[in-house]
Each structure stands twice: as structure tokens, then as C-alpha cells.
Amino acid sequence: MKVLISVDESEYAEAIAQFVIGHQWEADTEFTVMSVVEPLKVGNIMAVLPGPVLDEMTENRQENAEMVVENTVRTISQVISRDKIRKSIVEGSPSGEIMKEITITKPDMLLVGSHGRH
């Protein structure tokens, strides 16, 4: 079984991780924990900011995504071996990148949270 877990910066990432560790999974289940960093430079009001400010904001968002993914993996690895958990951090449209990952890995289950913005 393959499970794709998409997390963002919200408290829902922890709720998803708690669900995963509380669920009984088949022994061969593999997990992908992904986060999508939405670009600031294209089609965003933030694009009017100077380049260095945008670069710093993008770097902060990337670091935050890495932290959320790592925290989720750390929680899940309390009950699931880390060698069965893959991490993925990509930049783009969240829905588009999640759909790409679904097309590539063909998971049996998708777990997503919501940050309540859309």
C-alpha cells in the first residue's frame, strides 16, 4: 500500500501525523510526506516587493516546509520505520503538484490537511 501525505504549515500536519500513528497499516505500507511551497513571484501581489525581500521570504517558506515535513516524519517514525517514509518538498501550485505526485506514485490513499485559505 502507498500513502501520500500532503502537509502545510498548519496544525493539521500534526493531526494527520497523529492519525497515521494511531492507524493500523499493512506491513508493506510506504509513505510519502510532501509539502508544496507556493511561489511568490508569479501572479501574487507579493511580486511587487524587491527581489532580495522576495528571495528571503521564499527561503523562509522553503525552510518552514522542510521543518513541517521533518516534524511529520519524526512523529510518524515513532511507529513506522523511516526507511518506509519518503520526503518531498516541491515548489508550485499545491493542487497541481499533489496531482503530479498522485500521477507518478499512484498512492492508494491521500491524506491532506487544510490551512483554510482556499
N, C-alpha and C. Protein backbone atom coordinates (compact mmCIF):
# COMPACT_ATOMS: atom_id res chain seq x y z
N MET A 1 0.85 -1.17 0.00
CA MET A 1 0.00 0.00 0.00
C MET A 1 0.90 1.24 0.00
N LYS A 2 0.46 2.27 -0.71
CA LYS A 2 1.17 3.54 -0.76
C LYS A 2 0.25 4.63 -0.22
N VAL A 3 0.80 5.49 0.64
CA VAL A 3 0.03 6.59 1.22
C VAL A 3 0.77 7.88 0.94
N LEU A 4 0.08 8.85 0.35
CA LEU A 4 0.63 10.18 0.12
C LEU A 4 0.04 11.10 1.18
N ILE A 5 0.93 11.78 1.90
CA ILE A 5 0.51 12.71 2.95
C ILE A 5 1.00 14.09 2.54
N SER A 6 0.08 15.01 2.32
CA SER A 6 0.44 16.37 1.95
C SER A 6 0.18 17.28 3.14
N VAL A 7 1.23 17.98 3.57
CA VAL A 7 1.12 18.82 4.76
C VAL A 7 1.51 20.25 4.42
N ASP A 8 1.00 21.17 5.22
CA ASP A 8 1.40 22.57 5.09
C ASP A 8 1.77 23.08 6.48
N GLU A 9 1.81 24.37 6.63
CA GLU A 9 2.31 24.96 7.89
C GLU A 9 1.32 24.94 9.04
N SER A 10 0.19 24.36 8.87
CA SER A 10 -0.85 24.45 9.89
C SER A 10 -0.80 23.33 10.92
N GLU A 11 -1.66 23.45 11.88
CA GLU A 11 -1.78 22.44 12.93
C GLU A 11 -2.33 21.12 12.37
N TYR A 12 -2.86 21.16 11.15
CA TYR A 12 -3.39 19.94 10.55
C TYR A 12 -2.31 18.93 10.24
N ALA A 13 -1.09 19.38 10.04
CA ALA A 13 0.02 18.45 9.81
C ALA A 13 0.19 17.53 11.01
N GLU A 14 0.13 18.08 12.19
CA GLU A 14 0.26 17.26 13.40
C GLU A 14 -0.95 16.33 13.55
N ALA A 15 -2.13 16.81 13.22
CA ALA A 15 -3.33 15.96 13.30
C ALA A 15 -3.22 14.78 12.33
N ILE A 16 -2.71 15.03 11.14
CA ILE A 16 -2.52 13.94 10.18
C ILE A 16 -1.50 12.95 10.71
N ALA A 17 -0.39 13.45 11.25
CA ALA A 17 0.64 12.57 11.80
C ALA A 17 0.07 11.71 12.93
N GLN A 18 -0.75 12.30 13.79
CA GLN A 18 -1.35 11.54 14.88
C GLN A 18 -2.31 10.47 14.35
N PHE A 19 -3.05 10.80 13.28
CA PHE A 19 -3.91 9.81 12.65
C PHE A 19 -3.09 8.64 12.14
N VAL A 20 -1.98 8.95 11.47
CA VAL A 20 -1.14 7.90 10.88
C VAL A 20 -0.59 6.98 11.96
N ILE A 21 -0.10 7.55 13.06
CA ILE A 21 0.49 6.67 14.09
C ILE A 21 -0.58 5.90 14.87
N GLY A 22 -1.81 6.37 14.83
CA GLY A 22 -2.88 5.67 15.52
C GLY A 22 -3.60 4.64 14.67
N HIS A 23 -3.24 4.56 13.40
CA HIS A 23 -3.92 3.65 12.46
C HIS A 23 -3.10 2.38 12.28
N GLN A 24 -3.76 1.27 12.04
CA GLN A 24 -3.07 0.01 11.76
C GLN A 24 -2.80 -0.07 10.25
N TRP A 25 -1.54 -0.12 9.88
CA TRP A 25 -1.15 -0.17 8.48
C TRP A 25 -0.62 -1.55 8.14
N GLU A 26 -0.81 -1.95 6.89
CA GLU A 26 -0.21 -3.19 6.42
C GLU A 26 1.31 -3.06 6.54
N ALA A 27 2.01 -4.17 6.76
CA ALA A 27 3.45 -4.14 6.99
C ALA A 27 4.24 -3.54 5.83
N ASP A 28 3.74 -3.68 4.61
CA ASP A 28 4.48 -3.18 3.45
C ASP A 28 4.08 -1.76 3.04
N THR A 29 3.33 -1.06 3.87
CA THR A 29 2.87 0.29 3.53
C THR A 29 4.05 1.26 3.45
N GLU A 30 4.06 2.04 2.37
CA GLU A 30 5.08 3.07 2.16
C GLU A 30 4.40 4.43 2.19
N PHE A 31 5.09 5.40 2.74
CA PHE A 31 4.53 6.74 2.91
C PHE A 31 5.39 7.76 2.19
N THR A 32 4.74 8.75 1.60
CA THR A 32 5.41 9.93 1.09
C THR A 32 4.81 11.12 1.82
N VAL A 33 5.67 11.89 2.49
CA VAL A 33 5.23 13.11 3.16
C VAL A 33 5.72 14.26 2.29
N MET A 34 4.77 15.03 1.76
CA MET A 34 5.16 16.12 0.87
C MET A 34 4.58 17.45 1.34
N SER A 35 5.27 18.51 0.94
CA SER A 35 4.78 19.86 1.15
C SER A 35 5.05 20.64 -0.11
N VAL A 36 4.12 21.49 -0.48
CA VAL A 36 4.25 22.30 -1.68
C VAL A 36 4.41 23.76 -1.26
N VAL A 37 5.50 24.37 -1.71
CA VAL A 37 5.75 25.78 -1.44
C VAL A 37 5.24 26.56 -2.65
N GLU A 38 4.23 27.37 -2.40
CA GLU A 38 3.65 28.17 -3.48
C GLU A 38 4.59 29.33 -3.81
N PRO A 39 4.94 29.52 -5.09
CA PRO A 39 5.85 30.60 -5.45
C PRO A 39 5.22 31.97 -5.21
N LEU A 40 6.06 32.91 -4.83
CA LEU A 40 5.58 34.27 -4.57
C LEU A 40 5.71 35.17 -5.80
N LYS A 41 6.53 34.80 -6.73
CA LYS A 41 6.86 35.71 -7.81
C LYS A 41 5.85 35.74 -8.95
N VAL A 42 5.07 34.72 -9.10
CA VAL A 42 4.17 34.65 -10.26
C VAL A 42 2.72 34.83 -9.80
N GLY A 43 2.06 35.83 -10.35
CA GLY A 43 0.64 36.03 -10.09
C GLY A 43 0.29 36.29 -8.64
N ASN A 44 1.17 36.92 -7.92
CA ASN A 44 0.94 37.16 -6.50
C ASN A 44 1.21 38.63 -6.21
N ILE A 45 0.40 39.22 -5.35
CA ILE A 45 0.57 40.63 -5.01
C ILE A 45 1.95 40.88 -4.40
N MET A 46 2.55 39.83 -3.81
CA MET A 46 3.87 39.97 -3.21
C MET A 46 4.95 40.22 -4.27
N ALA A 47 4.63 39.97 -5.53
CA ALA A 47 5.60 40.11 -6.61
C ALA A 47 6.10 41.54 -6.77
N VAL A 48 5.42 42.52 -6.18
CA VAL A 48 5.86 43.91 -6.29
C VAL A 48 6.99 44.23 -5.32
N LEU A 49 7.29 43.33 -4.40
CA LEU A 49 8.38 43.55 -3.44
C LEU A 49 9.73 43.43 -4.14
N PRO A 50 10.76 44.10 -3.61
CA PRO A 50 12.10 43.99 -4.19
C PRO A 50 12.60 42.55 -4.16
N GLY A 51 13.42 42.19 -5.15
CA GLY A 51 13.95 40.84 -5.29
C GLY A 51 14.54 40.24 -4.03
N PRO A 52 15.43 40.96 -3.32
CA PRO A 52 16.02 40.38 -2.11
C PRO A 52 14.98 40.05 -1.03
N VAL A 53 13.94 40.87 -0.92
CA VAL A 53 12.89 40.60 0.06
C VAL A 53 12.13 39.34 -0.34
N LEU A 54 11.80 39.23 -1.63
CA LEU A 54 11.11 38.03 -2.11
C LEU A 54 11.97 36.78 -1.92
N ASP A 55 13.27 36.92 -2.20
CA ASP A 55 14.17 35.78 -2.04
C ASP A 55 14.21 35.31 -0.59
N GLU A 56 14.27 36.26 0.35
CA GLU A 56 14.29 35.91 1.76
C GLU A 56 12.97 35.25 2.19
N MET A 57 11.86 35.80 1.70
CA MET A 57 10.56 35.22 2.03
C MET A 57 10.45 33.80 1.45
N THR A 58 10.91 33.61 0.24
CA THR A 58 10.87 32.29 -0.39
C THR A 58 11.73 31.31 0.39
N GLU A 59 12.91 31.74 0.80
CA GLU A 59 13.80 30.89 1.59
C GLU A 59 13.14 30.52 2.92
N ASN A 60 12.48 31.47 3.56
CA ASN A 60 11.78 31.19 4.82
C ASN A 60 10.66 30.18 4.62
N ARG A 61 9.92 30.34 3.53
CA ARG A 61 8.83 29.41 3.25
C ARG A 61 9.36 28.01 2.97
N GLN A 62 10.49 27.93 2.26
CA GLN A 62 11.12 26.64 1.97
C GLN A 62 11.59 25.98 3.27
N GLU A 63 12.24 26.75 4.13
CA GLU A 63 12.71 26.22 5.42
C GLU A 63 11.53 25.76 6.28
N ASN A 64 10.44 26.51 6.26
CA ASN A 64 9.26 26.13 7.03
C ASN A 64 8.67 24.82 6.50
N ALA A 65 8.62 24.68 5.18
CA ALA A 65 8.11 23.44 4.59
C ALA A 65 8.99 22.26 5.00
N GLU A 66 10.29 22.45 4.97
CA GLU A 66 11.22 21.39 5.38
C GLU A 66 11.00 21.01 6.84
N MET A 67 10.78 22.01 7.69
CA MET A 67 10.56 21.76 9.11
C MET A 67 9.25 20.99 9.34
N VAL A 68 8.19 21.39 8.65
CA VAL A 68 6.90 20.72 8.81
C VAL A 68 6.99 19.28 8.33
N VAL A 69 7.63 19.06 7.20
CA VAL A 69 7.78 17.69 6.69
C VAL A 69 8.62 16.86 7.66
N GLU A 70 9.73 17.41 8.13
CA GLU A 70 10.59 16.67 9.06
C GLU A 70 9.86 16.37 10.37
N ASN A 71 9.10 17.33 10.90
CA ASN A 71 8.34 17.08 12.12
C ASN A 71 7.29 15.98 11.92
N THR A 72 6.65 15.99 10.76
CA THR A 72 5.66 14.97 10.45
C THR A 72 6.32 13.60 10.35
N VAL A 73 7.46 13.55 9.67
CA VAL A 73 8.19 12.28 9.54
C VAL A 73 8.66 11.81 10.92
N ARG A 74 9.14 12.72 11.74
CA ARG A 74 9.60 12.36 13.08
C ARG A 74 8.47 11.73 13.90
N THR A 75 7.29 12.33 13.83
CA THR A 75 6.14 11.79 14.56
C THR A 75 5.76 10.41 14.02
N ILE A 76 5.66 10.31 12.71
CA ILE A 76 5.27 9.04 12.10
C ILE A 76 6.29 7.95 12.39
N SER A 77 7.56 8.31 12.40
CA SER A 77 8.61 7.30 12.59
C SER A 77 8.64 6.75 14.02
N GLN A 78 7.77 7.25 14.89
CA GLN A 78 7.64 6.65 16.22
C GLN A 78 7.10 5.23 16.11
N VAL A 79 6.31 4.97 15.06
CA VAL A 79 5.71 3.64 14.89
C VAL A 79 6.00 3.01 13.53
N ILE A 80 6.55 3.79 12.60
CA ILE A 80 6.84 3.29 11.25
C ILE A 80 8.31 3.56 10.95
N SER A 81 8.97 2.56 10.42
CA SER A 81 10.39 2.69 10.10
C SER A 81 10.63 3.84 9.12
N ARG A 82 11.67 4.64 9.37
CA ARG A 82 11.99 5.77 8.49
C ARG A 82 12.30 5.34 7.07
N ASP A 83 12.76 4.11 6.89
CA ASP A 83 13.08 3.67 5.52
C ASP A 83 11.82 3.42 4.69
N LYS A 84 10.65 3.50 5.31
CA LYS A 84 9.38 3.38 4.59
C LYS A 84 8.72 4.74 4.37
N ILE A 85 9.46 5.81 4.72
CA ILE A 85 8.90 7.17 4.60
C ILE A 85 9.80 7.99 3.69
N ARG A 86 9.21 8.52 2.63
CA ARG A 86 9.94 9.38 1.69
C ARG A 86 9.49 10.81 1.90
N LYS A 87 10.42 11.76 1.80
CA LYS A 87 10.10 13.18 1.93
C LYS A 87 10.14 13.83 0.56
N SER A 88 9.23 14.79 0.35
CA SER A 88 9.20 15.52 -0.91
C SER A 88 8.77 16.95 -0.63
N ILE A 89 9.60 17.89 -1.06
CA ILE A 89 9.25 19.31 -0.95
C ILE A 89 9.42 19.90 -2.35
N VAL A 90 8.32 20.44 -2.88
CA VAL A 90 8.34 20.97 -4.23
C VAL A 90 7.77 22.38 -4.24
N GLU A 91 8.07 23.10 -5.31
CA GLU A 91 7.52 24.44 -5.47
C GLU A 91 6.51 24.42 -6.60
N GLY A 92 5.39 25.09 -6.39
CA GLY A 92 4.36 25.17 -7.42
C GLY A 92 2.99 25.35 -6.81
N SER A 93 1.99 25.09 -7.63
CA SER A 93 0.61 25.16 -7.18
C SER A 93 0.32 23.90 -6.35
N PRO A 94 -0.17 24.05 -5.11
CA PRO A 94 -0.42 22.86 -4.29
C PRO A 94 -1.27 21.80 -4.98
N SER A 95 -2.40 22.19 -5.54
CA SER A 95 -3.26 21.18 -6.17
C SER A 95 -2.56 20.54 -7.37
N GLY A 96 -1.87 21.34 -8.15
CA GLY A 96 -1.18 20.81 -9.33
C GLY A 96 -0.06 19.86 -8.95
N GLU A 97 0.73 20.22 -7.95
CA GLU A 97 1.85 19.39 -7.54
C GLU A 97 1.38 18.11 -6.85
N ILE A 98 0.30 18.20 -6.09
CA ILE A 98 -0.25 16.99 -5.47
C ILE A 98 -0.76 16.05 -6.56
N MET A 99 -1.43 16.59 -7.56
CA MET A 99 -1.92 15.75 -8.66
C MET A 99 -0.76 15.12 -9.43
N LYS A 100 0.33 15.87 -9.63
CA LYS A 100 1.51 15.29 -10.29
C LYS A 100 2.05 14.11 -9.49
N GLU A 101 2.16 14.30 -8.18
CA GLU A 101 2.67 13.23 -7.31
C GLU A 101 1.75 12.02 -7.35
N ILE A 102 0.46 12.25 -7.39
CA ILE A 102 -0.51 11.14 -7.49
C ILE A 102 -0.31 10.39 -8.80
N THR A 103 -0.11 11.13 -9.88
CA THR A 103 0.10 10.51 -11.18
C THR A 103 1.37 9.66 -11.20
N ILE A 104 2.42 10.15 -10.55
CA ILE A 104 3.71 9.45 -10.56
C ILE A 104 3.71 8.25 -9.63
N THR A 105 3.28 8.45 -8.38
CA THR A 105 3.41 7.38 -7.38
C THR A 105 2.19 6.49 -7.25
N LYS A 106 1.05 6.95 -7.76
CA LYS A 106 -0.20 6.18 -7.71
C LYS A 106 -0.51 5.63 -6.31
N PRO A 107 -0.66 6.55 -5.33
CA PRO A 107 -0.94 6.09 -3.97
C PRO A 107 -2.34 5.49 -3.85
N ASP A 108 -2.49 4.63 -2.85
CA ASP A 108 -3.79 4.04 -2.56
C ASP A 108 -4.63 4.96 -1.68
N MET A 109 -3.94 5.87 -0.96
CA MET A 109 -4.64 6.77 -0.05
C MET A 109 -3.93 8.13 -0.07
N LEU A 110 -4.73 9.18 0.01
CA LEU A 110 -4.22 10.54 0.08
C LEU A 110 -4.73 11.17 1.36
N LEU A 111 -3.80 11.71 2.16
CA LEU A 111 -4.17 12.43 3.38
C LEU A 111 -3.73 13.87 3.22
N VAL A 112 -4.66 14.82 3.35
CA VAL A 112 -4.34 16.23 3.24
C VAL A 112 -5.00 17.01 4.37
N GLY A 113 -4.36 18.07 4.74
CA GLY A 113 -4.94 18.98 5.72
C GLY A 113 -5.41 20.23 5.00
N SER A 114 -5.80 21.20 5.77
CA SER A 114 -6.26 22.45 5.19
C SER A 114 -5.75 23.60 6.03
N HIS A 115 -5.29 24.63 5.37
CA HIS A 115 -4.90 25.82 6.11
C HIS A 115 -6.01 26.85 6.10
N GLY A 116 -7.10 26.56 5.43
CA GLY A 116 -8.29 27.41 5.48
C GLY A 116 -8.23 28.65 4.63
N ARG A 117 -7.23 28.78 3.74
CA ARG A 117 -7.16 29.96 2.91
C ARG A 117 -7.96 29.82 1.62
N HIS A 118 -8.14 28.61 1.13
CA HIS A 118 -8.86 28.40 -0.13
C HIS A 118 -9.97 27.39 0.08
